[in-house]
Amino acid sequence: MIAPGSNVRVYLACGVTDIRKGISGLSALVQEVLRQKPASGAVFAFRGRRGDRVKLLYWDGQGFCLYYKVPERGRFPWPSVADGVARLTAAQLAMLWEGIDWRRPAWTAPPMRAG
């Protein structure tokens, strides 16, 4: 995936989205539901009803990029509709894209003593 960068703002549309929507339909959702500008340079993430499909919408400065992922197995972790909109970091977006639950990552403990 061509990444938008480490400083990018990421907005996750909680709940489900009609994954059949293309760039125009998702841009309208960004404006009406998320109350953001689609061409702001942020990444907007949407998940389908079954949880096994994700679309990312991103303006790269020249046009819209639409990323679509369907994993071989499993589902993408997603907050409920009641949460509205979630902000993610670029690292959390990378975990989401890989199917890792970005809400509860398993951090490794630092070494007790070195040397």
PDB file of N, CA and C in Angstrom:
ATOM      1  N   MET A   1       0.840  -1.177   0.000  1.00  0.00           N
ATOM      2  CA  MET A   1       0.000   0.000   0.000  1.00  0.00           C
ATOM      3  C   MET A   1       0.883   1.238   0.000  1.00  0.00           C
ATOM      4  N   ILE A   2       0.571   2.212  -0.789  1.00  0.00           N
ATOM      5  CA  ILE A   2       1.268   3.486  -0.787  1.00  0.00           C
ATOM      6  C   ILE A   2       0.723   4.280   0.392  1.00  0.00           C
ATOM      7  N   ALA A   3       1.537   4.469   1.402  1.00  0.00           N
ATOM      8  CA  ALA A   3       1.075   5.068   2.647  1.00  0.00           C
ATOM      9  C   ALA A   3       1.007   6.589   2.556  1.00  0.00           C
ATOM     10  N   PRO A   4       0.029   7.199   3.224  1.00  0.00           N
ATOM     11  CA  PRO A   4      -0.103   8.647   3.221  1.00  0.00           C
ATOM     12  C   PRO A   4       0.884   9.372   4.118  1.00  0.00           C
ATOM     13  N   GLY A   5       1.604   8.697   4.972  1.00  0.00           N
ATOM     14  CA  GLY A   5       2.596   9.345   5.834  1.00  0.00           C
ATOM     15  C   GLY A   5       2.299   9.118   7.300  1.00  0.00           C
ATOM     16  N   SER A   6       3.285   9.384   8.132  1.00  0.00           N
ATOM     17  CA  SER A   6       3.144   9.103   9.559  1.00  0.00           C
ATOM     18  C   SER A   6       2.406  10.196  10.328  1.00  0.00           C
ATOM     19  N   ASN A   7       2.275  11.374   9.767  1.00  0.00           N
ATOM     20  CA  ASN A   7       1.611  12.478  10.463  1.00  0.00           C
ATOM     21  C   ASN A   7       0.160  12.654  10.038  1.00  0.00           C
ATOM     22  N   VAL A   8      -0.370  11.743   9.268  1.00  0.00           N
ATOM     23  CA  VAL A   8      -1.707  11.897   8.707  1.00  0.00           C
ATOM     24  C   VAL A   8      -2.777  11.754   9.799  1.00  0.00           C
ATOM     25  N   ARG A   9      -3.861  12.508   9.650  1.00  0.00           N
ATOM     26  CA  ARG A   9      -5.023  12.367  10.520  1.00  0.00           C
ATOM     27  C   ARG A   9      -5.879  11.233   9.958  1.00  0.00           C
ATOM     28  N   VAL A  10      -6.392  10.385  10.837  1.00  0.00           N
ATOM     29  CA  VAL A  10      -7.196   9.245  10.420  1.00  0.00           C
ATOM     30  C   VAL A  10      -8.541   9.318  11.141  1.00  0.00           C
ATOM     31  N   TYR A  11      -9.622   9.283  10.368  1.00  0.00           N
ATOM     32  CA  TYR A  11     -10.971   9.286  10.917  1.00  0.00           C
ATOM     33  C   TYR A  11     -11.643   7.971  10.543  1.00  0.00           C
ATOM     34  N   LEU A  12     -12.196   7.303  11.535  1.00  0.00           N
ATOM     35  CA  LEU A  12     -12.843   6.028  11.330  1.00  0.00           C
ATOM     36  C   LEU A  12     -14.346   6.225  11.521  1.00  0.00           C
ATOM     37  N   ALA A  13     -15.135   5.905  10.505  1.00  0.00           N
ATOM     38  CA  ALA A  13     -16.591   6.012  10.591  1.00  0.00           C
ATOM     39  C   ALA A  13     -17.106   4.801  11.355  1.00  0.00           C
ATOM     40  N   CYS A  14     -17.550   5.004  12.581  1.00  0.00           N
ATOM     41  CA  CYS A  14     -18.020   3.902  13.409  1.00  0.00           C
ATOM     42  C   CYS A  14     -19.312   3.326  12.832  1.00  0.00           C
ATOM     43  N   GLY A  15     -19.590   2.092  13.181  1.00  0.00           N
ATOM     44  CA  GLY A  15     -20.760   1.430  12.631  1.00  0.00           C
ATOM     45  C   GLY A  15     -20.449   0.862  11.260  1.00  0.00           C
ATOM     46  N   VAL A  16     -21.493   0.654  10.450  1.00  0.00           N
ATOM     47  CA  VAL A  16     -21.312   0.051   9.129  1.00  0.00           C
ATOM     48  C   VAL A  16     -21.621   1.044   8.029  1.00  0.00           C
ATOM     49  N   THR A  17     -21.015   0.805   6.875  1.00  0.00           N
ATOM     50  CA  THR A  17     -21.198   1.631   5.690  1.00  0.00           C
ATOM     51  C   THR A  17     -21.534   0.715   4.528  1.00  0.00           C
ATOM     52  N   ASP A  18     -22.346   1.202   3.618  1.00  0.00           N
ATOM     53  CA  ASP A  18     -22.614   0.459   2.386  1.00  0.00           C
ATOM     54  C   ASP A  18     -21.318   0.443   1.593  1.00  0.00           C
ATOM     55  N   ILE A  19     -20.654  -0.676   1.596  1.00  0.00           N
ATOM     56  CA  ILE A  19     -19.315  -0.793   1.018  1.00  0.00           C
ATOM     57  C   ILE A  19     -19.342  -0.716  -0.505  1.00  0.00           C
ATOM     58  N   ARG A  20     -20.533  -0.729  -1.109  1.00  0.00           N
ATOM     59  CA  ARG A  20     -20.642  -0.584  -2.560  1.00  0.00           C
ATOM     60  C   ARG A  20     -20.370   0.852  -3.014  1.00  0.00           C
ATOM     61  N   LYS A  21     -20.377   1.790  -2.078  1.00  0.00           N
ATOM     62  CA  LYS A  21     -20.133   3.194  -2.421  1.00  0.00           C
ATOM     63  C   LYS A  21     -18.723   3.379  -2.969  1.00  0.00           C
ATOM     64  N   GLY A  22     -18.618   4.270  -3.913  1.00  0.00           N
ATOM     65  CA  GLY A  22     -17.333   4.615  -4.487  1.00  0.00           C
ATOM     66  C   GLY A  22     -16.823   5.924  -3.905  1.00  0.00           C
ATOM     67  N   ILE A  23     -15.944   6.577  -4.630  1.00  0.00           N
ATOM     68  CA  ILE A  23     -15.333   7.815  -4.149  1.00  0.00           C
ATOM     69  C   ILE A  23     -16.372   8.900  -3.905  1.00  0.00           C
ATOM     70  N   SER A  24     -17.300   9.087  -4.824  1.00  0.00           N
ATOM     71  CA  SER A  24     -18.316  10.142  -4.667  1.00  0.00           C
ATOM     72  C   SER A  24     -19.206   9.889  -3.463  1.00  0.00           C
ATOM     73  N   GLY A  25     -19.680   8.649  -3.315  1.00  0.00           N
ATOM     74  CA  GLY A  25     -20.552   8.318  -2.190  1.00  0.00           C
ATOM     75  C   GLY A  25     -19.851   8.425  -0.853  1.00  0.00           C
ATOM     76  N   LEU A  26     -18.612   7.968  -0.786  1.00  0.00           N
ATOM     77  CA  LEU A  26     -17.860   8.052   0.463  1.00  0.00           C
ATOM     78  C   LEU A  26     -17.494   9.501   0.787  1.00  0.00           C
ATOM     79  N   SER A  27     -17.198  10.297  -0.231  1.00  0.00           N
ATOM     80  CA  SER A  27     -16.911  11.725  -0.008  1.00  0.00           C
ATOM     81  C   SER A  27     -18.122  12.426   0.585  1.00  0.00           C
ATOM     82  N   ALA A  28     -19.310  12.067   0.100  1.00  0.00           N
ATOM     83  CA  ALA A  28     -20.537  12.653   0.644  1.00  0.00           C
ATOM     84  C   ALA A  28     -20.711  12.257   2.114  1.00  0.00           C
ATOM     85  N   LEU A  29     -20.402  11.007   2.453  1.00  0.00           N
ATOM     86  CA  LEU A  29     -20.477  10.576   3.858  1.00  0.00           C
ATOM     87  C   LEU A  29     -19.487  11.341   4.728  1.00  0.00           C
ATOM     88  N   VAL A  30     -18.304  11.577   4.193  1.00  0.00           N
ATOM     89  CA  VAL A  30     -17.292  12.322   4.947  1.00  0.00           C
ATOM     90  C   VAL A  30     -17.827  13.711   5.295  1.00  0.00           C
ATOM     91  N   GLN A  31     -18.464  14.353   4.332  1.00  0.00           N
ATOM     92  CA  GLN A  31     -19.001  15.701   4.569  1.00  0.00           C
ATOM     93  C   GLN A  31     -20.214  15.682   5.487  1.00  0.00           C
ATOM     94  N   GLU A  32     -21.173  14.800   5.220  1.00  0.00           N
ATOM     95  CA  GLU A  32     -22.450  14.830   5.928  1.00  0.00           C
ATOM     96  C   GLU A  32     -22.397  14.162   7.300  1.00  0.00           C
ATOM     97  N   VAL A  33     -21.733  13.025   7.401  1.00  0.00           N
ATOM     98  CA  VAL A  33     -21.738  12.262   8.648  1.00  0.00           C
ATOM     99  C   VAL A  33     -20.539  12.594   9.530  1.00  0.00           C
ATOM    100  N   LEU A  34     -19.351  12.605   8.930  1.00  0.00           N
ATOM    101  CA  LEU A  34     -18.145  12.864   9.712  1.00  0.00           C
ATOM    102  C   LEU A  34     -17.851  14.345   9.900  1.00  0.00           C
ATOM    103  N   ARG A  35     -18.532  15.188   9.119  1.00  0.00           N
ATOM    104  CA  ARG A  35     -18.354  16.660   9.190  1.00  0.00           C
ATOM    105  C   ARG A  35     -16.904  17.080   8.939  1.00  0.00           C
ATOM    106  N   GLN A  36     -16.289  16.457   7.932  1.00  0.00           N
ATOM    107  CA  GLN A  36     -14.916  16.769   7.550  1.00  0.00           C
ATOM    108  C   GLN A  36     -14.869  17.086   6.060  1.00  0.00           C
ATOM    109  N   LYS A  37     -13.758  17.663   5.630  1.00  0.00           N
ATOM    110  CA  LYS A  37     -13.553  17.932   4.207  1.00  0.00           C
ATOM    111  C   LYS A  37     -12.845  16.734   3.589  1.00  0.00           C
ATOM    112  N   PRO A  38     -13.439  16.130   2.559  1.00  0.00           N
ATOM    113  CA  PRO A  38     -12.826  14.944   1.957  1.00  0.00           C
ATOM    114  C   PRO A  38     -11.426  15.184   1.398  1.00  0.00           C
ATOM    115  N   ALA A  39     -11.167  16.378   0.895  1.00  0.00           N
ATOM    116  CA  ALA A  39      -9.869  16.685   0.285  1.00  0.00           C
ATOM    117  C   ALA A  39      -8.919  17.358   1.274  1.00  0.00           C
ATOM    118  N   SER A  40      -9.071  17.069   2.557  1.00  0.00           N
ATOM    119  CA  SER A  40      -8.235  17.695   3.584  1.00  0.00           C
ATOM    120  C   SER A  40      -6.878  17.025   3.737  1.00  0.00           C
ATOM    121  N   GLY A  41      -6.697  15.854   3.132  1.00  0.00           N
ATOM    122  CA  GLY A  41      -5.448  15.120   3.295  1.00  0.00           C
ATOM    123  C   GLY A  41      -5.523  14.069   4.380  1.00  0.00           C
ATOM    124  N   ALA A  42      -6.667  13.972   5.058  1.00  0.00           N
ATOM    125  CA  ALA A  42      -6.861  12.945   6.084  1.00  0.00           C
ATOM    126  C   ALA A  42      -7.288  11.639   5.421  1.00  0.00           C
ATOM    127  N   VAL A  43      -7.133  10.553   6.157  1.00  0.00           N
ATOM    128  CA  VAL A  43      -7.592   9.243   5.702  1.00  0.00           C
ATOM    129  C   VAL A  43      -8.924   8.959   6.395  1.00  0.00           C
ATOM    130  N   PHE A  44      -9.896   8.494   5.626  1.00  0.00           N
ATOM    131  CA  PHE A  44     -11.209   8.162   6.160  1.00  0.00           C
ATOM    132  C   PHE A  44     -11.454   6.676   5.954  1.00  0.00           C
ATOM    133  N   ALA A  45     -11.774   5.967   7.036  1.00  0.00           N
ATOM    134  CA  ALA A  45     -11.931   4.513   6.993  1.00  0.00           C
ATOM    135  C   ALA A  45     -13.394   4.134   7.171  1.00  0.00           C
ATOM    136  N   PHE A  46     -13.842   3.155   6.376  1.00  0.00           N
ATOM    137  CA  PHE A  46     -15.219   2.671   6.396  1.00  0.00           C
ATOM    138  C   PHE A  46     -15.205   1.151   6.381  1.00  0.00           C
ATOM    139  N   ARG A  47     -16.162   0.538   7.111  1.00  0.00           N
ATOM    140  CA  ARG A  47     -16.242  -0.922   7.160  1.00  0.00           C
ATOM    141  C   ARG A  47     -17.612  -1.396   6.709  1.00  0.00           C
ATOM    142  N   GLY A  48     -17.647  -2.517   6.014  1.00  0.00           N
ATOM    143  CA  GLY A  48     -18.895  -3.101   5.555  1.00  0.00           C
ATOM    144  C   GLY A  48     -19.661  -3.786   6.670  1.00  0.00           C
ATOM    145  N   ARG A  49     -20.892  -4.186   6.379  1.00  0.00           N
ATOM    146  CA  ARG A  49     -21.793  -4.778   7.367  1.00  0.00           C
ATOM    147  C   ARG A  49     -21.235  -6.057   8.000  1.00  0.00           C
ATOM    148  N   ARG A  50     -20.658  -6.946   7.212  1.00  0.00           N
ATOM    149  CA  ARG A  50     -20.144  -8.216   7.752  1.00  0.00           C
ATOM    150  C   ARG A  50     -18.818  -8.045   8.483  1.00  0.00           C
ATOM    151  N   GLY A  51     -18.162  -6.915   8.314  1.00  0.00           N
ATOM    152  CA  GLY A  51     -16.898  -6.677   8.999  1.00  0.00           C
ATOM    153  C   GLY A  51     -15.689  -7.247   8.299  1.00  0.00           C
ATOM    154  N   ASP A  52     -15.891  -7.801   7.112  1.00  0.00           N
ATOM    155  CA  ASP A  52     -14.768  -8.411   6.407  1.00  0.00           C
ATOM    156  C   ASP A  52     -14.277  -7.571   5.232  1.00  0.00           C
ATOM    157  N   ARG A  53     -14.718  -6.318   5.158  1.00  0.00           N
ATOM    158  CA  ARG A  53     -14.288  -5.426   4.078  1.00  0.00           C
ATOM    159  C   ARG A  53     -14.066  -4.019   4.624  1.00  0.00           C
ATOM    160  N   VAL A  54     -12.980  -3.416   4.208  1.00  0.00           N
ATOM    161  CA  VAL A  54     -12.658  -2.052   4.630  1.00  0.00           C
ATOM    162  C   VAL A  54     -12.277  -1.226   3.408  1.00  0.00           C
ATOM    163  N   LYS A  55     -12.732   0.024   3.403  1.00  0.00           N
ATOM    164  CA  LYS A  55     -12.322   0.972   2.374  1.00  0.00           C
ATOM    165  C   LYS A  55     -11.708   2.189   3.056  1.00  0.00           C
ATOM    166  N   LEU A  56     -10.613   2.662   2.481  1.00  0.00           N
ATOM    167  CA  LEU A  56      -9.956   3.888   2.947  1.00  0.00           C
ATOM    168  C   LEU A  56     -10.022   4.904   1.832  1.00  0.00           C
ATOM    169  N   LEU A  57     -10.440   6.118   2.166  1.00  0.00           N
ATOM    170  CA  LEU A  57     -10.499   7.219   1.204  1.00  0.00           C
ATOM    171  C   LEU A  57      -9.453   8.240   1.607  1.00  0.00           C
ATOM    172  N   TYR A  58      -8.667   8.679   0.637  1.00  0.00           N
ATOM    173  CA  TYR A  58      -7.548   9.586   0.926  1.00  0.00           C
ATOM    174  C   TYR A  58      -7.308  10.503  -0.259  1.00  0.00           C
ATOM    175  N   TRP A  59      -7.129  11.783   0.009  1.00  0.00           N
ATOM    176  CA  TRP A  59      -6.774  12.778  -1.007  1.00  0.00           C
ATOM    177  C   TRP A  59      -5.268  12.969  -0.950  1.00  0.00           C
ATOM    178  N   ASP A  60      -4.558  12.667  -2.042  1.00  0.00           N
ATOM    179  CA  ASP A  60      -3.094  12.738  -2.023  1.00  0.00           C
ATOM    180  C   ASP A  60      -2.534  14.043  -2.568  1.00  0.00           C
ATOM    181  N   GLY A  61      -3.412  15.006  -2.834  1.00  0.00           N
ATOM    182  CA  GLY A  61      -2.964  16.292  -3.354  1.00  0.00           C
ATOM    183  C   GLY A  61      -3.231  16.437  -4.841  1.00  0.00           C
ATOM    184  N   GLN A  62      -3.397  15.323  -5.535  1.00  0.00           N
ATOM    185  CA  GLN A  62      -3.678  15.342  -6.964  1.00  0.00           C
ATOM    186  C   GLN A  62      -5.013  14.695  -7.296  1.00  0.00           C
ATOM    187  N   GLY A  63      -5.497  13.854  -6.401  1.00  0.00           N
ATOM    188  CA  GLY A  63      -6.762  13.157  -6.621  1.00  0.00           C
ATOM    189  C   GLY A  63      -7.042  12.218  -5.465  1.00  0.00           C
ATOM    190  N   PHE A  64      -8.198  11.588  -5.522  1.00  0.00           N
ATOM    191  CA  PHE A  64      -8.578  10.664  -4.466  1.00  0.00           C
ATOM    192  C   PHE A  64      -7.978   9.286  -4.707  1.00  0.00           C
ATOM    193  N   CYS A  65      -7.575   8.655  -3.622  1.00  0.00           N
ATOM    194  CA  CYS A  65      -7.129   7.266  -3.632  1.00  0.00           C
ATOM    195  C   CYS A  65      -8.163   6.481  -2.832  1.00  0.00           C
ATOM    196  N   LEU A  66      -8.562   5.346  -3.358  1.00  0.00           N
ATOM    197  CA  LEU A  66      -9.511   4.490  -2.671  1.00  0.00           C
ATOM    198  C   LEU A  66      -8.872   3.117  -2.503  1.00  0.00           C
ATOM    199  N   TYR A  67      -8.600   2.761  -1.254  1.00  0.00           N
ATOM    200  CA  TYR A  67      -8.006   1.471  -0.937  1.00  0.00           C
ATOM    201  C   TYR A  67      -9.123   0.544  -0.455  1.00  0.00           C
ATOM    202  N   TYR A  68      -9.074  -0.695  -0.882  1.00  0.00           N
ATOM    203  CA  TYR A  68     -10.121  -1.664  -0.548  1.00  0.00           C
ATOM    204  C   TYR A  68      -9.444  -2.962  -0.151  1.00  0.00           C
ATOM    205  N   LYS A  69      -9.831  -3.498   1.020  1.00  0.00           N
ATOM    206  CA  LYS A  69      -9.197  -4.738   1.468  1.00  0.00           C
ATOM    207  C   LYS A  69     -10.248  -5.728   1.936  1.00  0.00           C
ATOM    208  N   VAL A  70     -10.082  -6.963   1.477  1.00  0.00           N
ATOM    209  CA  VAL A  70     -10.897  -8.094   1.894  1.00  0.00           C
ATOM    210  C   VAL A  70      -9.925  -9.178   2.358  1.00  0.00           C
ATOM    211  N   PRO A  71      -9.822  -9.420   3.656  1.00  0.00           N
ATOM    212  CA  PRO A  71      -8.873 -10.433   4.125  1.00  0.00           C
ATOM    213  C   PRO A  71      -9.346 -11.841   3.779  1.00  0.00           C
ATOM    214  N   GLU A  72      -8.402 -12.771   3.716  1.00  0.00           N
ATOM    215  CA  GLU A  72      -8.750 -14.164   3.431  1.00  0.00           C
ATOM    216  C   GLU A  72      -9.671 -14.738   4.506  1.00  0.00           C
ATOM    217  N   ARG A  73      -9.398 -14.387   5.757  1.00  0.00           N
ATOM    218  CA  ARG A  73     -10.259 -14.835   6.844  1.00  0.00           C
ATOM    219  C   ARG A  73     -10.210 -13.800   7.960  1.00  0.00           C
ATOM    220  N   GLY A  74     -11.218 -13.848   8.805  1.00  0.00           N
ATOM    221  CA  GLY A  74     -11.285 -12.923   9.928  1.00  0.00           C
ATOM    222  C   GLY A  74     -12.069 -11.659   9.596  1.00  0.00           C
ATOM    223  N   ARG A  75     -12.153 -10.800  10.588  1.00  0.00           N
ATOM    224  CA  ARG A  75     -12.899  -9.539  10.461  1.00  0.00           C
ATOM    225  C   ARG A  75     -12.054  -8.397  11.011  1.00  0.00           C
ATOM    226  N   PHE A  76     -12.397  -7.209  10.581  1.00  0.00           N
ATOM    227  CA  PHE A  76     -11.696  -6.032  11.063  1.00  0.00           C
ATOM    228  C   PHE A  76     -12.326  -5.570  12.377  1.00  0.00           C
ATOM    229  N   PRO A  77     -11.502  -5.270  13.404  1.00  0.00           N
ATOM    230  CA  PRO A  77     -12.053  -4.751  14.663  1.00  0.00           C
ATOM    231  C   PRO A  77     -12.609  -3.351  14.443  1.00  0.00           C
ATOM    232  N   TRP A  78     -13.786  -3.078  15.013  1.00  0.00           N
ATOM    233  CA  TRP A  78     -14.454  -1.801  14.738  1.00  0.00           C
ATOM    234  C   TRP A  78     -15.277  -1.374  15.933  1.00  0.00           C
ATOM    235  N   PRO A  79     -15.303  -0.072  16.245  1.00  0.00           N
ATOM    236  CA  PRO A  79     -16.152   0.412  17.343  1.00  0.00           C
ATOM    237  C   PRO A  79     -17.630   0.411  16.940  1.00  0.00           C
ATOM    238  N   SER A  80     -18.508   0.480  17.931  1.00  0.00           N
ATOM    239  CA  SER A  80     -19.949   0.468  17.669  1.00  0.00           C
ATOM    240  C   SER A  80     -20.419   1.813  17.121  1.00  0.00           C
ATOM    241  N   VAL A  81     -21.649   1.827  16.630  1.00  0.00           N
ATOM    242  CA  VAL A  81     -22.241   3.034  16.050  1.00  0.00           C
ATOM    243  C   VAL A  81     -22.304   4.157  17.079  1.00  0.00           C
ATOM    244  N   ALA A  82     -22.525   3.805  18.340  1.00  0.00           N
ATOM    245  CA  ALA A  82     -22.658   4.813  19.394  1.00  0.00           C
ATOM    246  C   ALA A  82     -21.407   5.666  19.541  1.00  0.00           C
ATOM    247  N   ASP A  83     -20.267   5.148  19.119  1.00  0.00           N
ATOM    248  CA  ASP A  83     -19.013   5.890  19.246  1.00  0.00           C
ATOM    249  C   ASP A  83     -18.906   7.025  18.234  1.00  0.00           C
ATOM    250  N   GLY A  84     -19.711   7.030  17.176  1.00  0.00           N
ATOM    251  CA  GLY A  84     -19.699   8.105  16.184  1.00  0.00           C
ATOM    252  C   GLY A  84     -18.490   8.065  15.277  1.00  0.00           C
ATOM    253  N   VAL A  85     -17.517   8.884  15.581  1.00  0.00           N
ATOM    254  CA  VAL A  85     -16.285   8.961  14.793  1.00  0.00           C
ATOM    255  C   VAL A  85     -15.110   8.725  15.728  1.00  0.00           C
ATOM    256  N   ALA A  86     -14.162   7.923  15.295  1.00  0.00           N
ATOM    257  CA  ALA A  86     -12.963   7.668  16.095  1.00  0.00           C
ATOM    258  C   ALA A  86     -11.753   8.250  15.372  1.00  0.00           C
ATOM    259  N   ARG A  87     -10.830   8.818  16.136  1.00  0.00           N
ATOM    260  CA  ARG A  87      -9.557   9.293  15.582  1.00  0.00           C
ATOM    261  C   ARG A  87      -8.506   8.249  15.846  1.00  0.00           C
ATOM    262  N   LEU A  88      -7.731   7.923  14.837  1.00  0.00           N
ATOM    263  CA  LEU A  88      -6.657   6.950  14.959  1.00  0.00           C
ATOM    264  C   LEU A  88      -5.328   7.598  14.609  1.00  0.00           C
ATOM    265  N   THR A  89      -4.262   7.015  15.096  1.00  0.00           N
ATOM    266  CA  THR A  89      -2.927   7.432  14.681  1.00  0.00           C
ATOM    267  C   THR A  89      -2.557   6.642  13.427  1.00  0.00           C
ATOM    268  N   ALA A  90      -1.490   7.030  12.784  1.00  0.00           N
ATOM    269  CA  ALA A  90      -1.020   6.290  11.611  1.00  0.00           C
ATOM    270  C   ALA A  90      -0.636   4.870  11.994  1.00  0.00           C
ATOM    271  N   ALA A  91      -0.082   4.680  13.193  1.00  0.00           N
ATOM    272  CA  ALA A  91       0.287   3.340  13.662  1.00  0.00           C
ATOM    273  C   ALA A  91      -0.959   2.487  13.878  1.00  0.00           C
ATOM    274  N   GLN A  92      -2.005   3.065  14.451  1.00  0.00           N
ATOM    275  CA  GLN A  92      -3.248   2.329  14.649  1.00  0.00           C
ATOM    276  C   GLN A  92      -3.885   1.972  13.304  1.00  0.00           C
ATOM    277  N   LEU A  93      -3.794   2.866  12.325  1.00  0.00           N
ATOM    278  CA  LEU A  93      -4.305   2.572  10.989  1.00  0.00           C
ATOM    279  C   LEU A  93      -3.559   1.392  10.378  1.00  0.00           C
ATOM    280  N   ALA A  94      -2.250   1.358  10.555  1.00  0.00           N
ATOM    281  CA  ALA A  94      -1.451   0.241  10.037  1.00  0.00           C
ATOM    282  C   ALA A  94      -1.880  -1.072  10.691  1.00  0.00           C
ATOM    283  N   MET A  95      -2.149  -1.047  12.001  1.00  0.00           N
ATOM    284  CA  MET A  95      -2.606  -2.258  12.682  1.00  0.00           C
ATOM    285  C   MET A  95      -3.980  -2.671  12.168  1.00  0.00           C
ATOM    286  N   LEU A  96      -4.876  -1.702  12.007  1.00  0.00           N
ATOM    287  CA  LEU A  96      -6.210  -1.990  11.475  1.00  0.00           C
ATOM    288  C   LEU A  96      -6.121  -2.639  10.103  1.00  0.00           C
ATOM    289  N   TRP A  97      -5.289  -2.080   9.240  1.00  0.00           N
ATOM    290  CA  TRP A  97      -5.137  -2.586   7.871  1.00  0.00           C
ATOM    291  C   TRP A  97      -4.643  -4.034   7.867  1.00  0.00           C
ATOM    292  N   GLU A  98      -3.845  -4.403   8.872  1.00  0.00           N
ATOM    293  CA  GLU A  98      -3.327  -5.770   8.983  1.00  0.00           C
ATOM    294  C   GLU A  98      -4.269  -6.701   9.740  1.00  0.00           C
ATOM    295  N   GLY A  99      -5.389  -6.169  10.222  1.00  0.00           N
ATOM    296  CA  GLY A  99      -6.358  -6.994  10.935  1.00  0.00           C
ATOM    297  C   GLY A  99      -6.082  -7.139  12.413  1.00  0.00           C
ATOM    298  N   ILE A 100      -5.164  -6.348  12.938  1.00  0.00           N
ATOM    299  CA  ILE A 100      -4.823  -6.384  14.363  1.00  0.00           C
ATOM    300  C   ILE A 100      -5.789  -5.468  15.111  1.00  0.00           C
ATOM    301  N   ASP A 101      -6.248  -5.897  16.275  1.00  0.00           N
ATOM    302  CA  ASP A 101      -7.153  -5.055  17.063  1.00  0.00           C
ATOM    303  C   ASP A 101      -6.370  -3.870  17.618  1.00  0.00           C
ATOM    304  N   TRP A 102      -6.516  -2.746  16.999  1.00  0.00           N
ATOM    305  CA  TRP A 102      -5.772  -1.532  17.348  1.00  0.00           C
ATOM    306  C   TRP A 102      -6.205  -0.964  18.693  1.00  0.00           C
ATOM    307  N   ARG A 103      -7.334  -1.419  19.225  1.00  0.00           N
ATOM    308  CA  ARG A 103      -7.813  -0.905  20.523  1.00  0.00           C
ATOM    309  C   ARG A 103      -7.103  -1.564  21.688  1.00  0.00           C
ATOM    310  N   ARG A 104      -6.607  -2.806  21.497  1.00  0.00           N
ATOM    311  CA  ARG A 104      -5.943  -3.545  22.565  1.00  0.00           C
ATOM    312  C   ARG A 104      -4.685  -4.222  22.041  1.00  0.00           C
ATOM    313  N   PRO A 105      -3.703  -3.458  21.618  1.00  0.00           N
ATOM    314  CA  PRO A 105      -2.478  -4.118  21.120  1.00  0.00           C
ATOM    315  C   PRO A 105      -1.718  -4.761  22.272  1.00  0.00           C
ATOM    316  N   ALA A 106      -1.037  -5.832  21.972  1.00  0.00           N
ATOM    317  CA  ALA A 106      -0.230  -6.522  22.981  1.00  0.00           C
ATOM    318  C   ALA A 106       1.184  -5.967  22.916  1.00  0.00           C
ATOM    319  N   TRP A 107       1.499  -5.084  23.838  1.00  0.00           N
ATOM    320  CA  TRP A 107       2.834  -4.487  23.882  1.00  0.00           C
ATOM    321  C   TRP A 107       3.787  -5.426  24.588  1.00  0.00           C
ATOM    322  N   THR A 108       4.993  -5.500  24.095  1.00  0.00           N
ATOM    323  CA  THR A 108       6.000  -6.312  24.771  1.00  0.00           C
ATOM    324  C   THR A 108       6.650  -5.479  25.868  1.00  0.00           C
ATOM    325  N   ALA A 109       7.096  -6.135  26.892  1.00  0.00           N
ATOM    326  CA  ALA A 109       7.732  -5.437  28.011  1.00  0.00           C
ATOM    327  C   ALA A 109       9.169  -5.099  27.643  1.00  0.00           C
ATOM    328  N   PRO A 110       9.658  -3.932  28.078  1.00  0.00           N
ATOM    329  CA  PRO A 110      11.055  -3.583  27.830  1.00  0.00           C
ATOM    330  C   PRO A 110      11.971  -4.479  28.660  1.00  0.00           C
ATOM    331  N   PRO A 111      13.225  -4.647  28.261  1.00  0.00           N
ATOM    332  CA  PRO A 111      14.147  -5.481  29.046  1.00  0.00           C
ATOM    333  C   PRO A 111      14.349  -4.892  30.435  1.00  0.00           C
ATOM    334  N   MET A 112      14.495  -5.788  31.407  1.00  0.00           N
ATOM    335  CA  MET A 112      14.688  -5.339  32.790  1.00  0.00           C
ATOM    336  C   MET A 112      16.037  -4.655  32.974  1.00  0.00           C
ATOM    337  N   ARG A 113      17.060  -5.232  32.369  1.00  0.00           N
ATOM    338  CA  ARG A 113      18.392  -4.678  32.514  1.00  0.00           C
ATOM    339  C   ARG A 113      19.193  -5.004  31.264  1.00  0.00           C
ATOM    340  N   ALA A 114      19.924  -4.068  30.804  1.00  0.00           N
ATOM    341  CA  ALA A 114      20.771  -4.298  29.630  1.00  0.00           C
ATOM    342  C   ALA A 114      22.224  -4.221  30.056  1.00  0.00           C
ATOM    343  N   GLY A 115      23.047  -5.076  29.438  1.00  0.00           N
ATOM    344  CA  GLY A 115      24.483  -4.972  29.620  1.00  0.00           C
ATOM    345  C   GLY A 115      24.983  -5.797  30.677  1.00  0.00           C
TER     346      GLY A 115
END
